[in-house]
């Protein structure tokens, strides 16, 4: 039995997986900020679902360093030693949540994706994942000629590059407040709120309300804000595709991407994605898919954790 986890800035998902990583035996979702620590959430889960756990594999939104993740958009960390102590385990794996997403997409089927760009039907090679939620996460999958190997990165925190005068103004607006302006400051839940403040002369709305008003057309500032975010999202996904040479496909994940599918389909995302000068044709041949399965990182954590239990569990 594997305990798999997906720790994000908004929600923490914990599951029990009985050897087969695609088969979830028990699942709970906890609001991350309603708890004082990951250990508090973990105790609640194991009290509710007692089991003989052989290994734990926890994906968390942040870089893994020295067996610990300081979660980027949370006040508390995930510590591998603390998890092992609480569960009585030597087998604890920590991995970045986007690396877990990369593991997870290899186990999904056609119904778990929405095709944004069909690309080359015979596409092979490296792949990339770019996910928008509470933050912006990125990861890659290296193709060795036979299989993909997921790896983590923190590309969402690289410098934002403005593509027109409106985006240049947004950069100046955010630089005056934050200093460093990353892509995450533009497209994430808080990022959409930042863009809305910029376009609406300081007016505030929660990100979900901005997205809803943009999709139903009831707030022109919200429409403009989401349009800007989607265009910037496409540009950065194209940047990641070039850096990884992700000819095998790009995958858009996180909680935001499925909710804004109507906007993603309108064309500005793909227009920005392929707008790379001499490499337009290469980008246009890359399949682009939106991940619809919100358990992808959890499934991926279980797949990675199965390695702890030996080849019979894979």
Protein backbone atom coordinates (compact mmCIF):
# COMPACT_ATOMS: atom_id res chain seq x y z
CA UNK A 1 0.00 0.00 0.00
CA UNK A 2 1.35 3.42 -1.02
CA UNK A 3 0.31 6.71 0.55
CA UNK A 4 0.36 9.29 -2.25
CA UNK A 5 0.04 13.03 -1.73
CA UNK A 6 -0.36 16.19 -3.80
CA UNK A 7 0.28 19.32 -1.72
CA UNK A 8 -0.68 22.63 -3.32
CA UNK A 9 -1.25 26.18 -2.21
CA UNK A 10 -5.03 25.71 -2.32
CA UNK A 11 -5.69 22.01 -1.66
CA UNK A 12 -3.84 18.99 -0.33
CA UNK A 13 -4.92 15.61 -1.71
CA UNK A 14 -3.98 12.36 0.04
CA UNK A 15 -4.76 8.87 -1.23
CA UNK A 16 -4.10 5.21 -0.55
CA UNK A 17 -3.04 3.19 -3.58
CA UNK A 18 -2.90 -0.62 -3.37
CA UNK A 19 0.18 -1.35 -5.48
CA UNK A 20 -1.56 -0.40 -8.75
CA UNK A 21 -0.83 3.37 -9.04
CA UNK A 22 -3.88 4.03 -11.21
CA UNK A 23 -6.31 2.51 -8.69
CA UNK A 24 -7.09 4.83 -5.76
CA UNK A 25 -8.47 3.02 -2.70
CA UNK A 26 -9.17 6.08 -0.51
CA UNK A 27 -9.02 9.81 -1.22
CA UNK A 28 -9.40 12.95 0.88
CA UNK A 29 -9.04 16.61 -0.12
CA UNK A 30 -8.07 19.16 2.54
CA UNK A 31 -7.98 22.98 2.22
CA UNK A 32 -4.25 23.59 2.71
CA UNK A 33 -4.51 26.93 4.48
CA UNK A 34 -7.05 25.60 6.99
CA UNK A 35 -4.33 23.49 8.62
CA UNK A 36 -1.29 24.46 10.65
CA UNK A 37 1.05 21.85 9.16
CA UNK A 38 1.27 18.97 6.72
CA UNK A 39 1.64 16.60 9.67
CA UNK A 40 -1.75 17.76 10.95
CA UNK A 41 -3.35 16.84 7.62
CA UNK A 42 -1.46 13.54 7.48
CA UNK A 43 -2.63 12.54 10.98
CA UNK A 44 -6.24 13.29 10.05
CA UNK A 45 -5.94 11.11 6.95
CA UNK A 46 -4.34 8.08 8.60
CA UNK A 47 -6.83 8.28 11.48
CA UNK A 48 -9.67 8.20 8.94
CA UNK A 49 -8.09 5.49 6.77
CA UNK A 50 -5.96 3.09 8.85
CA UNK A 51 -3.84 0.85 6.63
CA UNK A 52 -0.54 -0.98 6.45
CA UNK A 53 1.47 1.57 4.48
CA UNK A 54 4.70 0.38 2.85
CA UNK A 55 5.82 3.63 1.24
CA UNK A 56 4.86 7.30 0.96
CA UNK A 57 5.28 9.50 -2.09
CA UNK A 58 4.42 13.17 -1.62
CA UNK A 59 4.34 15.76 -4.39
CA UNK A 60 4.53 19.39 -3.26
CA UNK A 61 4.48 22.76 -4.99
CA UNK A 62 8.09 23.85 -4.61
CA UNK A 63 11.69 22.72 -5.10
CA UNK A 64 12.83 19.60 -3.24
CA UNK A 65 16.01 20.38 -1.29
CA UNK A 66 17.67 18.16 1.32
CA UNK A 67 14.56 16.03 1.79
CA UNK A 68 12.26 18.99 2.35
CA UNK A 69 9.92 21.22 0.34
CA UNK A 70 9.26 24.78 1.45
CA UNK A 71 5.94 25.04 -0.35
CA UNK A 72 6.04 28.20 -2.45
CA UNK A 73 2.54 29.50 -1.66
CA UNK A 74 2.08 28.07 1.86
CA UNK A 75 3.41 28.99 5.31
CA UNK A 76 4.44 25.42 6.18
CA UNK A 77 6.88 22.90 4.65
CA UNK A 78 6.71 19.21 3.78
CA UNK A 79 9.57 17.38 5.47
CA UNK A 80 10.45 13.82 4.46
CA UNK A 81 11.93 12.90 7.85
CA UNK A 82 8.83 14.15 9.67
CA UNK A 83 6.58 12.19 7.30
CA UNK A 84 8.65 9.03 7.80
CA UNK A 85 8.60 9.43 11.57
CA UNK A 86 4.84 9.94 11.68
CA UNK A 87 4.16 6.92 9.44
CA UNK A 88 6.97 4.72 10.77
CA UNK A 89 8.55 4.48 7.31
CA UNK A 90 12.02 4.47 5.81
CA UNK A 91 10.50 4.69 2.32
CA UNK A 92 9.45 8.31 1.77
CA UNK A 93 9.79 10.03 -1.60
CA UNK A 94 9.38 13.79 -2.02
CA UNK A 95 9.00 15.24 -5.50
CA UNK A 96 7.94 18.49 -7.07
CA UNK A 97 4.23 18.61 -7.94
CA UNK A 98 4.91 19.30 -11.63
CA UNK A 99 7.32 16.40 -11.79
CA UNK A 100 4.43 14.33 -10.38
CA UNK A 101 2.15 15.74 -13.09
CA UNK A 102 4.72 14.66 -15.67
CA UNK A 103 4.70 11.14 -14.22
CA UNK A 104 0.91 11.17 -14.17
CA UNK A 105 0.25 12.09 -17.79
CA UNK A 106 1.96 8.86 -18.88
CA UNK A 107 -0.87 6.94 -17.16
CA UNK A 108 -3.81 8.93 -18.56
CA UNK A 109 -6.08 8.08 -21.47
CA UNK A 110 -7.51 10.15 -24.36
CA UNK A 111 -10.59 11.19 -22.33
CA UNK A 112 -8.32 12.85 -19.76
CA UNK A 113 -7.20 15.50 -22.27
CA UNK A 114 -8.69 18.26 -24.37
CA UNK A 115 -6.78 18.79 -27.61
CA UNK A 116 -5.93 22.44 -28.20
CA UNK A 117 -3.57 21.82 -31.12
CA UNK A 118 -3.42 18.43 -32.85
CA UNK A 119 0.08 19.06 -34.22
CA UNK A 120 1.99 16.28 -35.92
CA UNK A 121 0.07 12.98 -35.49
CA UNK A 122 3.40 11.12 -35.38
CA UNK A 123 5.06 13.49 -32.92
CA UNK A 124 7.78 11.99 -30.72
CA UNK A 125 10.46 13.43 -28.44
CA UNK A 126 10.69 15.38 -25.23
CA UNK A 127 7.50 16.73 -23.66
CA UNK A 128 6.68 19.62 -21.35
CA UNK A 129 4.08 20.44 -18.71
CA UNK A 130 2.96 23.98 -17.87
CA UNK A 131 0.32 24.25 -15.13
CA UNK A 132 -1.58 27.26 -13.81
CA UNK A 133 -3.21 27.19 -10.39
CA UNK A 134 -2.32 28.97 -7.16
CA UNK A 135 1.10 29.28 -8.81
CA UNK A 136 2.72 28.50 -12.15
CA UNK A 137 4.51 25.18 -12.39
CA UNK A 138 6.66 23.72 -15.15
CA UNK A 139 8.35 20.37 -15.76
CA UNK A 140 9.80 18.29 -18.55
CA UNK A 141 9.94 14.72 -19.78
CA UNK A 142 13.15 13.66 -21.48
CA UNK A 143 12.69 11.08 -24.28
CA UNK A 144 15.52 8.51 -24.45
CA UNK A 145 14.18 6.81 -27.56
CA UNK A 146 12.11 4.27 -25.65
CA UNK A 147 10.48 6.01 -22.68
CA UNK A 148 10.00 9.38 -21.03
CA UNK A 149 11.85 10.44 -17.87
CA UNK A 150 10.10 13.22 -15.87
CA UNK A 151 12.15 15.97 -14.25
CA UNK A 152 11.33 19.07 -12.23
CA UNK A 153 12.18 22.72 -12.82
CA UNK A 154 11.14 26.11 -11.45
CA UNK A 155 10.63 27.86 -14.77
CA UNK A 156 7.50 29.65 -13.58
CA UNK A 157 9.70 32.00 -11.56
CA UNK A 158 11.82 33.17 -14.49
CA UNK A 159 11.67 36.79 -15.70
CA UNK A 160 8.47 37.89 -17.42
CA UNK A 161 9.09 39.24 -20.94
CA UNK A 162 6.59 41.82 -22.20
CA UNK A 163 5.51 41.34 -25.83
CA UNK A 164 3.72 44.67 -26.41
CA UNK A 165 3.13 48.11 -24.85
CA UNK A 166 0.24 46.89 -22.68
CA UNK A 167 2.35 44.10 -21.21
CA UNK A 168 5.28 46.50 -20.75
CA UNK A 169 3.01 48.69 -18.64
CA UNK A 170 1.97 45.65 -16.64
CA UNK A 171 5.64 44.84 -16.01
CA UNK A 172 6.27 48.36 -14.66
CA UNK A 173 3.10 48.19 -12.51
CA UNK A 174 4.20 44.91 -10.89
CA UNK A 175 7.89 45.79 -10.64
CA UNK A 176 6.98 48.83 -8.52
CA UNK A 177 5.29 46.47 -6.03
CA UNK A 178 7.31 43.26 -6.13
CA UNK A 179 10.70 44.12 -7.61
CA UNK A 180 11.19 40.89 -9.52
CA UNK A 181 8.36 40.15 -11.98
CA UNK A 182 8.09 36.45 -12.78
CA UNK A 183 5.66 34.71 -15.11
CA UNK A 184 3.86 33.45 -12.00
CA UNK A 185 3.03 37.07 -11.12
CA UNK A 186 1.08 37.23 -14.40
CA UNK A 187 -0.65 33.90 -14.79
CA UNK A 188 -1.77 32.11 -11.68
CA UNK A 189 -4.78 32.72 -9.48
CA UNK A 190 -3.11 35.72 -7.79
CA UNK A 191 -1.62 36.67 -11.17
CA UNK A 192 -5.05 37.15 -12.73
CA UNK A 193 -5.92 39.41 -9.79
CA UNK A 194 -2.72 41.40 -10.41
CA UNK A 195 -3.62 41.91 -14.07
CA UNK A 196 -7.17 42.94 -13.17
CA UNK A 197 -5.82 45.54 -10.71
CA UNK A 198 -3.53 46.89 -13.42
CA UNK A 199 -6.28 47.23 -16.02
CA UNK A 200 -8.96 48.32 -13.55
CA UNK A 201 -7.06 51.16 -11.89
CA UNK A 202 -6.53 49.28 -8.66
CA UNK A 203 -9.92 47.58 -8.35
CA UNK A 204 -9.88 44.22 -6.57
CA UNK A 205 -11.81 41.01 -7.26
CA UNK A 206 -11.12 37.38 -6.31
CA UNK A 207 -9.57 35.41 -9.20
CA UNK A 208 -12.55 33.04 -9.58
CA UNK A 209 -14.94 36.00 -9.93
CA UNK A 210 -12.64 37.63 -12.51
CA UNK A 211 -12.52 34.43 -14.55
CA UNK A 212 -16.29 33.94 -14.32
CA UNK A 213 -17.00 37.55 -15.33
CA UNK A 214 -14.54 37.26 -18.21
CA UNK A 215 -16.12 34.07 -19.52
CA UNK A 216 -19.69 35.37 -19.34
CA UNK A 217 -18.70 38.82 -20.65
CA UNK A 218 -20.26 40.72 -17.75
CA UNK A 219 -17.13 42.76 -16.90
CA UNK A 220 -15.08 44.29 -19.71
CA UNK A 221 -12.02 44.74 -17.47
CA UNK A 222 -12.19 41.04 -16.57
CA UNK A 223 -12.43 40.14 -20.27
CA UNK A 224 -9.33 42.20 -21.04
CA UNK A 225 -7.46 40.78 -18.03
CA UNK A 226 -8.10 37.16 -19.00
CA UNK A 227 -7.22 37.90 -22.63
CA UNK A 228 -3.86 39.31 -21.53
CA UNK A 229 -3.21 36.37 -19.22
CA UNK A 230 -4.06 33.79 -21.89
CA UNK A 231 -1.78 35.47 -24.43
CA UNK A 232 1.10 35.59 -21.92
CA UNK A 233 0.41 31.97 -20.98
CA UNK A 234 0.68 30.92 -24.62
CA UNK A 235 3.94 32.81 -25.06
CA UNK A 236 5.55 31.18 -22.01
CA UNK A 237 4.30 27.70 -22.94
CA UNK A 238 5.95 28.26 -26.32
CA UNK A 239 9.14 29.39 -24.59
CA UNK A 240 9.16 26.20 -22.53
CA UNK A 241 8.53 24.09 -25.63
CA UNK A 242 11.55 25.65 -27.33
CA UNK A 243 13.82 25.28 -24.29
CA UNK A 244 12.92 21.61 -23.93
CA UNK A 245 12.58 20.92 -27.67
CA UNK A 246 9.25 19.42 -26.63
CA UNK A 247 8.38 18.00 -30.03
CA UNK A 248 6.49 15.16 -28.33
CA UNK A 249 3.86 17.51 -26.91
CA UNK A 250 3.01 20.25 -24.43
CA UNK A 251 0.51 19.66 -21.63
CA UNK A 252 -1.39 22.41 -19.82
CA UNK A 253 -2.39 21.51 -16.28
CA UNK A 254 -3.46 22.99 -12.98
CA UNK A 255 -6.89 24.00 -11.79
CA UNK A 256 -7.15 27.12 -13.98
CA UNK A 257 -6.57 25.70 -17.47
CA UNK A 258 -9.70 23.48 -17.62
CA UNK A 259 -11.87 26.31 -16.25
CA UNK A 260 -10.82 28.75 -18.97
CA UNK A 261 -11.03 26.32 -21.91
CA UNK A 262 -13.38 28.63 -23.88
CA UNK A 263 -10.71 31.35 -23.78
CA UNK A 264 -7.89 28.96 -24.62
CA UNK A 265 -9.87 27.80 -27.66
CA UNK A 266 -10.44 31.32 -29.01
CA UNK A 267 -7.00 31.39 -30.59
CA UNK A 268 -4.90 33.91 -28.70
CA UNK A 269 -3.12 31.17 -26.73
CA UNK A 270 -1.95 29.28 -29.80
CA UNK A 271 -1.19 32.52 -31.66
CA UNK A 272 1.25 33.48 -28.90
CA UNK A 273 2.53 29.90 -28.57
CA UNK A 274 3.70 29.74 -32.21
CA UNK A 275 4.82 33.40 -32.46
CA UNK A 276 8.54 32.57 -32.37
CA UNK A 277 9.77 33.96 -35.68
CA UNK A 278 11.71 31.37 -37.65
CA UNK A 279 10.51 28.58 -35.34
CA UNK A 280 6.78 29.13 -35.99
CA UNK A 281 6.51 25.95 -38.07
CA UNK A 282 8.27 23.84 -35.42
CA UNK A 283 5.92 25.13 -32.69
CA UNK A 284 2.86 24.58 -34.86
CA UNK A 285 3.73 20.88 -35.21
CA UNK A 286 3.78 20.34 -31.43
CA UNK A 287 0.61 18.74 -30.01
CA UNK A 288 -0.87 20.86 -27.20
CA UNK A 289 -3.32 19.25 -24.77
CA UNK A 290 -5.15 20.47 -21.66
CA UNK A 291 -5.11 18.00 -18.73
CA UNK A 292 -8.68 17.48 -17.50
CA UNK A 293 -7.98 14.90 -14.77
CA UNK A 294 -7.46 16.73 -11.45
CA UNK A 295 -5.86 13.61 -9.94
CA UNK A 296 -2.93 13.61 -12.36
CA UNK A 297 -0.30 14.68 -9.82
CA UNK A 298 -1.66 12.19 -7.30
CA UNK A 299 -1.49 9.35 -9.84
CA UNK A 300 2.01 10.50 -10.78
CA UNK A 301 3.15 10.54 -7.16
CA UNK A 302 1.88 6.97 -6.79
CA UNK A 303 3.67 5.88 -9.98
CA UNK A 304 6.93 7.40 -8.74
CA UNK A 305 6.39 5.91 -5.28
CA UNK A 306 5.87 2.44 -6.75
CA UNK A 307 9.58 2.44 -7.55
CA UNK A 308 10.25 2.29 -3.80
CA UNK A 309 8.50 -1.05 -3.61
CA UNK A 310 10.36 -2.73 -6.43
CA UNK A 311 9.53 -3.76 -10.01
CA UNK A 312 6.55 -5.97 -9.09
CA UNK A 313 4.51 -2.90 -8.13
CA UNK A 314 5.01 -0.92 -11.35
